[in-house]
C-alpha atoms as a PDB file:
ATOM      1  CA  UNK A   1       5.012  21.102 -33.341  1.00  0.00           C
ATOM      2  CA  UNK A   2       5.201  18.596 -30.508  1.00  0.00           C
ATOM      3  CA  UNK A   3       3.612  20.613 -27.722  1.00  0.00           C
ATOM      4  CA  UNK A   4       1.197  23.495 -27.429  1.00  0.00           C
ATOM      5  CA  UNK A   5       2.823  25.618 -24.739  1.00  0.00           C
ATOM      6  CA  UNK A   6       0.532  28.090 -22.947  1.00  0.00           C
ATOM      7  CA  UNK A   7       1.818  31.669 -22.882  1.00  0.00           C
ATOM      8  CA  UNK A   8       2.152  31.699 -19.074  1.00  0.00           C
ATOM      9  CA  UNK A   9       4.292  28.554 -19.113  1.00  0.00           C
ATOM     10  CA  UNK A  10       6.402  29.933 -21.950  1.00  0.00           C
ATOM     11  CA  UNK A  11       6.986  33.126 -19.952  1.00  0.00           C
ATOM     12  CA  UNK A  12       7.841  31.137 -16.817  1.00  0.00           C
ATOM     13  CA  UNK A  13      10.475  28.962 -18.469  1.00  0.00           C
ATOM     14  CA  UNK A  14      12.314  31.925 -19.942  1.00  0.00           C
ATOM     15  CA  UNK A  15      13.676  32.679 -16.487  1.00  0.00           C
ATOM     16  CA  UNK A  16      13.107  29.484 -14.531  1.00  0.00           C
ATOM     17  CA  UNK A  17      13.087  25.707 -14.924  1.00  0.00           C
ATOM     18  CA  UNK A  18       9.642  24.178 -15.328  1.00  0.00           C
ATOM     19  CA  UNK A  19       8.523  21.682 -12.727  1.00  0.00           C
ATOM     20  CA  UNK A  20       7.801  18.125 -13.837  1.00  0.00           C
ATOM     21  CA  UNK A  21       4.155  18.873 -13.034  1.00  0.00           C
ATOM     22  CA  UNK A  22       4.164  21.923 -15.353  1.00  0.00           C
ATOM     23  CA  UNK A  23       5.763  19.910 -18.117  1.00  0.00           C
ATOM     24  CA  UNK A  24       3.499  16.880 -17.730  1.00  0.00           C
ATOM     25  CA  UNK A  25       0.384  19.064 -17.720  1.00  0.00           C
ATOM     26  CA  UNK A  26       1.565  20.568 -20.997  1.00  0.00           C
ATOM     27  CA  UNK A  27       2.222  17.082 -22.406  1.00  0.00           C
ATOM     28  CA  UNK A  28      -1.171  15.794 -21.260  1.00  0.00           C
ATOM     29  CA  UNK A  29      -2.978  18.800 -22.747  1.00  0.00           C
ATOM     30  CA  UNK A  30      -0.998  18.742 -26.005  1.00  0.00           C
ATOM     31  CA  UNK A  31      -0.796  14.985 -26.572  1.00  0.00           C
ATOM     32  CA  UNK A  32      -3.882  13.543 -24.860  1.00  0.00           C
ATOM     33  CA  UNK A  33      -3.946  10.289 -26.835  1.00  0.00           C
ATOM     34  CA  UNK A  34      -0.287   9.504 -26.112  1.00  0.00           C
ATOM     35  CA  UNK A  35      -0.533  10.489 -22.450  1.00  0.00           C
ATOM     36  CA  UNK A  36      -3.747   8.513 -22.038  1.00  0.00           C
ATOM     37  CA  UNK A  37      -2.272   5.408 -23.653  1.00  0.00           C
ATOM     38  CA  UNK A  38       0.761   5.493 -21.366  1.00  0.00           C
ATOM     39  CA  UNK A  39      -1.496   6.042 -18.336  1.00  0.00           C
ATOM     40  CA  UNK A  40      -3.774   3.164 -19.346  1.00  0.00           C
ATOM     41  CA  UNK A  41      -0.851   0.782 -19.866  1.00  0.00           C
ATOM     42  CA  UNK A  42       0.607   1.779 -16.503  1.00  0.00           C
ATOM     43  CA  UNK A  43      -2.740   1.160 -14.841  1.00  0.00           C
ATOM     44  CA  UNK A  44      -2.917  -2.260 -16.497  1.00  0.00           C
ATOM     45  CA  UNK A  45       0.662  -3.022 -15.414  1.00  0.00           C
ATOM     46  CA  UNK A  46      -0.214  -2.199 -11.814  1.00  0.00           C
ATOM     47  CA  UNK A  47      -2.831  -4.983 -11.832  1.00  0.00           C
ATOM     48  CA  UNK A  48      -0.561  -7.759 -13.062  1.00  0.00           C
ATOM     49  CA  UNK A  49       2.593  -9.557 -12.046  1.00  0.00           C
ATOM     50  CA  UNK A  50       3.872  -9.446 -15.623  1.00  0.00           C
ATOM     51  CA  UNK A  51       7.161  -7.724 -16.413  1.00  0.00           C
ATOM     52  CA  UNK A  52       5.380  -5.586 -18.992  1.00  0.00           C
ATOM     53  CA  UNK A  53       2.130  -4.840 -20.787  1.00  0.00           C
ATOM     54  CA  UNK A  54       1.861  -3.571 -24.329  1.00  0.00           C
ATOM     55  CA  UNK A  55      -0.575  -2.022 -26.747  1.00  0.00           C
ATOM     56  CA  UNK A  56      -1.203  -3.768 -30.066  1.00  0.00           C
ATOM     57  CA  UNK A  57      -4.187  -1.682 -31.214  1.00  0.00           C
ATOM     58  CA  UNK A  58      -3.358   0.942 -33.854  1.00  0.00           C
ATOM     59  CA  UNK A  59      -4.215   4.542 -32.995  1.00  0.00           C
ATOM     60  CA  UNK A  60      -7.714   5.560 -34.122  1.00  0.00           C
ATOM     61  CA  UNK A  61      -6.473   8.185 -36.591  1.00  0.00           C
ATOM     62  CA  UNK A  62      -3.408   9.972 -37.924  1.00  0.00           C
ATOM     63  CA  UNK A  63      -3.612  12.716 -35.291  1.00  0.00           C
ATOM     64  CA  UNK A  64      -3.400  10.128 -32.505  1.00  0.00           C
ATOM     65  CA  UNK A  65      -0.586   8.302 -34.301  1.00  0.00           C
ATOM     66  CA  UNK A  66       1.317  11.563 -34.602  1.00  0.00           C
ATOM     67  CA  UNK A  67       0.879  12.273 -30.900  1.00  0.00           C
ATOM     68  CA  UNK A  68       2.312   8.899 -29.993  1.00  0.00           C
ATOM     69  CA  UNK A  69       5.273   9.292 -32.320  1.00  0.00           C
ATOM     70  CA  UNK A  70       6.020  12.815 -31.064  1.00  0.00           C
ATOM     71  CA  UNK A  71       5.791  11.789 -27.403  1.00  0.00           C
ATOM     72  CA  UNK A  72       8.128   8.837 -27.775  1.00  0.00           C
ATOM     73  CA  UNK A  73      10.581  10.549 -30.117  1.00  0.00           C
ATOM     74  CA  UNK A  74      11.257  13.291 -27.568  1.00  0.00           C
ATOM     75  CA  UNK A  75      13.778  12.391 -24.893  1.00  0.00           C
ATOM     76  CA  UNK A  76      12.309  15.058 -22.585  1.00  0.00           C
ATOM     77  CA  UNK A  77       8.716  13.872 -22.983  1.00  0.00           C
ATOM     78  CA  UNK A  78       9.562  10.202 -22.812  1.00  0.00           C
ATOM     79  CA  UNK A  79      11.758  10.723 -19.748  1.00  0.00           C
ATOM     80  CA  UNK A  80       9.108  12.773 -17.960  1.00  0.00           C
ATOM     81  CA  UNK A  81       6.488  10.095 -18.618  1.00  0.00           C
ATOM     82  CA  UNK A  82       8.821   7.358 -17.369  1.00  0.00           C
ATOM     83  CA  UNK A  83       9.626   9.294 -14.182  1.00  0.00           C
ATOM     84  CA  UNK A  84       6.005  10.230 -13.543  1.00  0.00           C
ATOM     85  CA  UNK A  85       4.607   6.742 -13.998  1.00  0.00           C
ATOM     86  CA  UNK A  86       7.651   4.880 -12.642  1.00  0.00           C
ATOM     87  CA  UNK A  87       8.082   2.700 -15.724  1.00  0.00           C
ATOM     88  CA  UNK A  88      10.399   2.148 -18.643  1.00  0.00           C
ATOM     89  CA  UNK A  89       8.795   2.665 -22.051  1.00  0.00           C
ATOM     90  CA  UNK A  90       9.670   0.604 -25.109  1.00  0.00           C
ATOM     91  CA  UNK A  91       8.350   1.374 -28.578  1.00  0.00           C
ATOM     92  CA  UNK A  92       8.434  -0.842 -31.667  1.00  0.00           C
ATOM     93  CA  UNK A  93       6.327   0.867 -34.311  1.00  0.00           C
ATOM     94  CA  UNK A  94       3.522   3.357 -34.782  1.00  0.00           C
ATOM     95  CA  UNK A  95       1.442   1.752 -32.051  1.00  0.00           C
ATOM     96  CA  UNK A  96       3.211  -1.049 -30.196  1.00  0.00           C
ATOM     97  CA  UNK A  97       4.116   0.664 -26.976  1.00  0.00           C
ATOM     98  CA  UNK A  98       5.071  -1.304 -23.877  1.00  0.00           C
ATOM     99  CA  UNK A  99       5.427  -0.282 -20.259  1.00  0.00           C
ATOM    100  CA  UNK A 100       8.015  -2.246 -18.316  1.00  0.00           C
ATOM    101  CA  UNK A 101       8.606  -2.342 -14.614  1.00  0.00           C
ATOM    102  CA  UNK A 102      11.864  -0.470 -13.915  1.00  0.00           C
ATOM    103  CA  UNK A 103      13.586  -3.603 -12.554  1.00  0.00           C
ATOM    104  CA  UNK A 104      12.664  -5.502 -15.730  1.00  0.00           C
ATOM    105  CA  UNK A 105      14.259  -2.907 -18.009  1.00  0.00           C
ATOM    106  CA  UNK A 106      17.690  -4.523 -17.777  1.00  0.00           C
ATOM    107  CA  UNK A 107      16.391  -8.045 -18.083  1.00  0.00           C
ATOM    108  CA  UNK A 108      16.014 -10.644 -20.778  1.00  0.00           C
ATOM    109  CA  UNK A 109      12.375  -9.840 -21.625  1.00  0.00           C
ATOM    110  CA  UNK A 110      13.151  -6.145 -22.150  1.00  0.00           C
ATOM    111  CA  UNK A 111      16.234  -6.968 -24.214  1.00  0.00           C
ATOM    112  CA  UNK A 112      14.156  -9.315 -26.356  1.00  0.00           C
ATOM    113  CA  UNK A 113      11.329  -6.777 -26.826  1.00  0.00           C
ATOM    114  CA  UNK A 114      13.767  -4.046 -27.881  1.00  0.00           C
ATOM    115  CA  UNK A 115      15.932  -6.275 -30.076  1.00  0.00           C
ATOM    116  CA  UNK A 116      16.335  -5.908 -33.852  1.00  0.00           C
ATOM    117  CA  UNK A 117      14.787  -9.378 -34.198  1.00  0.00           C
ATOM    118  CA  UNK A 118      11.619  -8.322 -32.355  1.00  0.00           C
ATOM    119  CA  UNK A 119      11.457  -5.130 -34.409  1.00  0.00           C
ATOM    120  CA  UNK A 120      11.648  -7.107 -37.648  1.00  0.00           C
ATOM    121  CA  UNK A 121       9.107  -9.692 -36.509  1.00  0.00           C
ATOM    122  CA  UNK A 122       6.641  -6.974 -35.517  1.00  0.00           C
ATOM    123  CA  UNK A 123       6.425  -5.474 -39.000  1.00  0.00           C
ATOM    124  CA  UNK A 124       3.764  -5.874 -41.639  1.00  0.00           C
ATOM    125  CA  UNK A 125       2.969  -4.184 -44.966  1.00  0.00           C
ATOM    126  CA  UNK A 126       0.202  -2.155 -43.271  1.00  0.00           C
ATOM    127  CA  UNK A 127       2.755  -0.543 -40.955  1.00  0.00           C
ATOM    128  CA  UNK A 128       5.227   0.637 -43.602  1.00  0.00           C
ATOM    129  CA  UNK A 129       3.801   4.170 -43.749  1.00  0.00           C
ATOM    130  CA  UNK A 130       2.703   4.547 -40.162  1.00  0.00           C
END
């Protein structure tokens, strides 16, 4: 299960579209590690002139790793996070998440980060089962 949806939100969305705020609250409550990591990277990005910042520290445990994978594997969750924080997310493995400025997403640095070459270079035996 990706999200723990409160009964009142479940009832609301049966007849109406959820707001981004409703959805993001559910994401933050259900996937606190993933949400917190994205928020922290966005905060770091706001204090630099760099095109992107990334995380290279593995999650502290399997639960956190699962949260990150679930958040970034879902188009709805990933899109909501990108809209909310005003960034473009890029993900290479079980922990290397990057936040890019929206205008950098079409550029050379983004293309390099998301390339097959970068994916292959960012692998190690420890990451095979992550």
